[in-house]
Every structure is written in C-alpha cells, then in structure tokens.
N, C-alpha and C. Protein backbone atom coordinates (compact mmCIF):
# COMPACT_ATOMS: atom_id res chain seq x y z
N MET A 1 0.82 -1.19 0.00
CA MET A 1 0.00 0.00 0.00
C MET A 1 0.87 1.26 0.00
N LYS A 2 1.93 1.27 0.80
CA LYS A 2 2.82 2.42 0.84
C LYS A 2 3.49 2.65 -0.51
N ARG A 3 3.83 1.58 -1.18
CA ARG A 3 4.52 1.68 -2.46
C ARG A 3 3.61 2.37 -3.50
N ILE A 4 2.34 2.01 -3.52
CA ILE A 4 1.40 2.63 -4.46
C ILE A 4 1.27 4.12 -4.15
N PHE A 5 1.18 4.46 -2.88
CA PHE A 5 1.05 5.85 -2.46
C PHE A 5 2.27 6.66 -2.90
N VAL A 6 3.45 6.11 -2.72
CA VAL A 6 4.69 6.80 -3.10
C VAL A 6 4.74 6.99 -4.62
N VAL A 7 4.36 5.97 -5.37
CA VAL A 7 4.36 6.06 -6.83
C VAL A 7 3.37 7.13 -7.30
N LEU A 8 2.19 7.18 -6.70
CA LEU A 8 1.20 8.19 -7.06
C LEU A 8 1.70 9.60 -6.76
N LEU A 9 2.32 9.78 -5.62
CA LEU A 9 2.86 11.10 -5.28
C LEU A 9 3.96 11.52 -6.25
N LEU A 10 4.79 10.59 -6.63
CA LEU A 10 5.86 10.88 -7.58
C LEU A 10 5.28 11.27 -8.94
N CYS A 11 4.27 10.56 -9.39
CA CYS A 11 3.63 10.88 -10.67
C CYS A 11 2.99 12.27 -10.63
N LEU A 12 2.32 12.60 -9.54
CA LEU A 12 1.71 13.92 -9.41
C LEU A 12 2.75 15.02 -9.41
N ALA A 13 3.86 14.80 -8.75
CA ALA A 13 4.93 15.79 -8.71
C ALA A 13 5.52 16.01 -10.11
N LEU A 14 5.68 14.95 -10.87
CA LEU A 14 6.20 15.07 -12.22
C LEU A 14 5.24 15.81 -13.13
N LEU A 15 3.96 15.52 -13.00
CA LEU A 15 2.96 16.19 -13.83
C LEU A 15 2.86 17.68 -13.48
N ALA A 16 2.96 18.02 -12.23
CA ALA A 16 2.90 19.43 -11.82
C ALA A 16 4.09 20.21 -12.36
N GLY A 17 5.22 19.58 -12.46
CA GLY A 17 6.41 20.24 -12.97
C GLY A 17 6.40 20.42 -14.47
N CYS A 18 5.54 19.75 -15.16
CA CYS A 18 5.48 19.82 -16.61
C CYS A 18 4.41 20.78 -17.12
N ALA A 19 3.79 21.52 -16.24
CA ALA A 19 2.74 22.45 -16.65
C ALA A 19 3.33 23.53 -17.55
N THR A 20 2.61 23.86 -18.60
CA THR A 20 3.05 24.87 -19.55
C THR A 20 2.45 26.22 -19.17
N HIS A 21 3.29 27.24 -19.15
CA HIS A 21 2.85 28.59 -18.88
C HIS A 21 3.07 29.43 -20.13
N TYR A 22 2.34 30.52 -20.23
CA TYR A 22 2.43 31.39 -21.39
C TYR A 22 2.72 32.82 -20.97
N GLN A 23 3.47 33.52 -21.81
CA GLN A 23 3.77 34.93 -21.59
C GLN A 23 3.00 35.71 -22.65
N ILE A 24 2.28 36.73 -22.23
CA ILE A 24 1.50 37.56 -23.12
C ILE A 24 2.14 38.95 -23.15
N MET A 25 2.51 39.39 -24.34
CA MET A 25 3.08 40.73 -24.48
C MET A 25 2.03 41.62 -25.11
N LEU A 26 1.79 42.76 -24.46
CA LEU A 26 0.80 43.70 -24.94
C LEU A 26 1.45 44.79 -25.79
N LYS A 27 0.66 45.46 -26.59
CA LYS A 27 1.17 46.52 -27.46
C LYS A 27 1.71 47.71 -26.68
N ASP A 28 1.26 47.89 -25.44
CA ASP A 28 1.75 49.00 -24.63
C ASP A 28 3.02 48.66 -23.85
N GLY A 29 3.57 47.46 -24.08
CA GLY A 29 4.83 47.06 -23.46
C GLY A 29 4.68 46.20 -22.22
N LYS A 30 3.48 46.07 -21.68
CA LYS A 30 3.27 45.24 -20.49
C LYS A 30 3.42 43.77 -20.85
N GLN A 31 3.85 42.98 -19.86
CA GLN A 31 3.95 41.54 -20.03
C GLN A 31 3.14 40.86 -18.94
N LEU A 32 2.30 39.93 -19.34
CA LEU A 32 1.45 39.18 -18.42
C LEU A 32 1.82 37.71 -18.49
N LYS A 33 1.54 36.99 -17.42
CA LYS A 33 1.80 35.55 -17.40
C LYS A 33 0.47 34.81 -17.25
N ALA A 34 0.33 33.74 -18.01
CA ALA A 34 -0.88 32.93 -17.99
C ALA A 34 -0.54 31.51 -17.58
N ALA A 35 -1.40 30.92 -16.76
CA ALA A 35 -1.20 29.55 -16.30
C ALA A 35 -1.67 28.53 -17.33
N ASN A 36 -2.49 28.99 -18.29
CA ASN A 36 -2.95 28.11 -19.36
C ASN A 36 -2.88 28.86 -20.68
N LYS A 37 -3.10 28.17 -21.77
CA LYS A 37 -3.04 28.81 -23.08
C LYS A 37 -4.24 29.72 -23.26
N PRO A 38 -4.01 31.00 -23.57
CA PRO A 38 -5.13 31.90 -23.81
C PRO A 38 -5.94 31.45 -25.03
N ILE A 39 -7.26 31.48 -24.89
CA ILE A 39 -8.15 31.03 -25.96
C ILE A 39 -8.92 32.24 -26.47
N LEU A 40 -8.88 32.45 -27.78
CA LEU A 40 -9.56 33.58 -28.40
C LEU A 40 -10.98 33.18 -28.78
N ASP A 41 -11.94 33.99 -28.36
CA ASP A 41 -13.33 33.84 -28.78
C ASP A 41 -13.54 34.77 -29.96
N PRO A 42 -13.64 34.23 -31.18
CA PRO A 42 -13.74 35.09 -32.37
C PRO A 42 -15.02 35.94 -32.39
N LYS A 43 -16.04 35.51 -31.69
CA LYS A 43 -17.30 36.29 -31.67
C LYS A 43 -17.14 37.57 -30.87
N THR A 44 -16.41 37.50 -29.75
CA THR A 44 -16.27 38.67 -28.87
C THR A 44 -14.98 39.43 -29.10
N GLY A 45 -13.95 38.75 -29.64
CA GLY A 45 -12.66 39.38 -29.84
C GLY A 45 -11.83 39.47 -28.57
N TYR A 46 -12.14 38.62 -27.59
CA TYR A 46 -11.42 38.60 -26.32
C TYR A 46 -10.73 37.26 -26.10
N TYR A 47 -9.52 37.34 -25.54
CA TYR A 47 -8.82 36.15 -25.07
C TYR A 47 -9.28 35.86 -23.64
N THR A 48 -9.42 34.59 -23.31
CA THR A 48 -9.72 34.15 -21.96
C THR A 48 -8.58 33.27 -21.49
N TYR A 49 -8.09 33.55 -20.27
CA TYR A 49 -7.04 32.72 -19.69
C TYR A 49 -7.09 32.82 -18.18
N VAL A 50 -6.32 31.97 -17.52
CA VAL A 50 -6.20 31.98 -16.06
C VAL A 50 -4.81 32.51 -15.72
N ASP A 51 -4.76 33.55 -14.87
CA ASP A 51 -3.46 34.11 -14.51
C ASP A 51 -2.79 33.27 -13.43
N GLU A 52 -1.61 33.69 -12.99
CA GLU A 52 -0.84 32.91 -12.01
C GLU A 52 -1.53 32.81 -10.65
N ASP A 53 -2.44 33.74 -10.36
CA ASP A 53 -3.16 33.70 -9.09
C ASP A 53 -4.43 32.86 -9.16
N GLY A 54 -4.70 32.28 -10.33
CA GLY A 54 -5.87 31.44 -10.50
C GLY A 54 -7.13 32.20 -10.88
N LYS A 55 -6.98 33.48 -11.25
CA LYS A 55 -8.13 34.30 -11.63
C LYS A 55 -8.35 34.23 -13.13
N LYS A 56 -9.63 34.16 -13.53
CA LYS A 56 -9.98 34.17 -14.94
C LYS A 56 -9.88 35.60 -15.45
N VAL A 57 -9.21 35.78 -16.61
CA VAL A 57 -8.96 37.10 -17.15
C VAL A 57 -9.46 37.17 -18.60
N LEU A 58 -10.05 38.32 -18.95
CA LEU A 58 -10.43 38.61 -20.33
C LEU A 58 -9.51 39.71 -20.85
N LEU A 59 -9.04 39.55 -22.07
CA LEU A 59 -8.09 40.49 -22.65
C LEU A 59 -8.46 40.73 -24.10
N LYS A 60 -8.59 42.01 -24.50
CA LYS A 60 -8.95 42.34 -25.88
C LYS A 60 -7.88 41.87 -26.85
N GLU A 61 -8.31 41.26 -27.94
CA GLU A 61 -7.39 40.78 -28.97
C GLU A 61 -6.57 41.94 -29.54
N ALA A 62 -7.17 43.11 -29.67
CA ALA A 62 -6.48 44.27 -30.25
C ALA A 62 -5.33 44.76 -29.38
N ASP A 63 -5.33 44.42 -28.08
CA ASP A 63 -4.27 44.85 -27.17
C ASP A 63 -3.07 43.91 -27.16
N VAL A 64 -3.23 42.72 -27.73
CA VAL A 64 -2.18 41.68 -27.66
C VAL A 64 -1.23 41.78 -28.84
N LEU A 65 0.05 41.81 -28.52
CA LEU A 65 1.09 41.83 -29.55
C LEU A 65 1.57 40.41 -29.84
N LEU A 66 1.82 39.63 -28.77
CA LEU A 66 2.41 38.31 -28.93
C LEU A 66 2.05 37.41 -27.73
N ILE A 67 1.82 36.14 -28.02
CA ILE A 67 1.64 35.14 -26.97
C ILE A 67 2.65 34.05 -27.26
N LYS A 68 3.49 33.77 -26.24
CA LYS A 68 4.49 32.71 -26.45
C LYS A 68 4.52 31.75 -25.26
N GLU A 69 4.84 30.51 -25.58
CA GLU A 69 4.95 29.47 -24.56
C GLU A 69 6.22 29.69 -23.77
N LYS A 70 6.13 29.54 -22.48
CA LYS A 70 7.28 29.77 -21.61
C LYS A 70 7.76 28.47 -21.04
C-alpha cells in the first residue's frame, strides 16, 4: 500500500512540474503571465485565460502583440 502511495505522489509531482505557462506581451509594453493557453473567442474578440493567481482574465485581442509558450 505504501509503495502505491509513493508512486502516485511521484507521478503527481512530475505532472505538476510539466505544466506549460504562457507569456502575453501587450502593445503598450506590459507583459502578463498565464497559467494556461489563452483562448480567443472570435465572436467577442477577447482572449480568456487563467493568470498565475488562478483568476480568470479577459483580454482584448487588439491589445495583444504576442503570446508565447514559456
């Protein structure tokens, strides 16, 4: 039983370390960090993403210069 628990903890630790983060550069020079890949809603023209604090954020497509994987 202990062995299974240790293996599960190890797997969870490895998965947490492999999370992909994104850097968003705005046209005004600001840089934001996203915990997930920003998704563009073509109907509204807004990107939706979760920031490092776990908050859902909306960002106008016209304000974004570049989104890159970090």
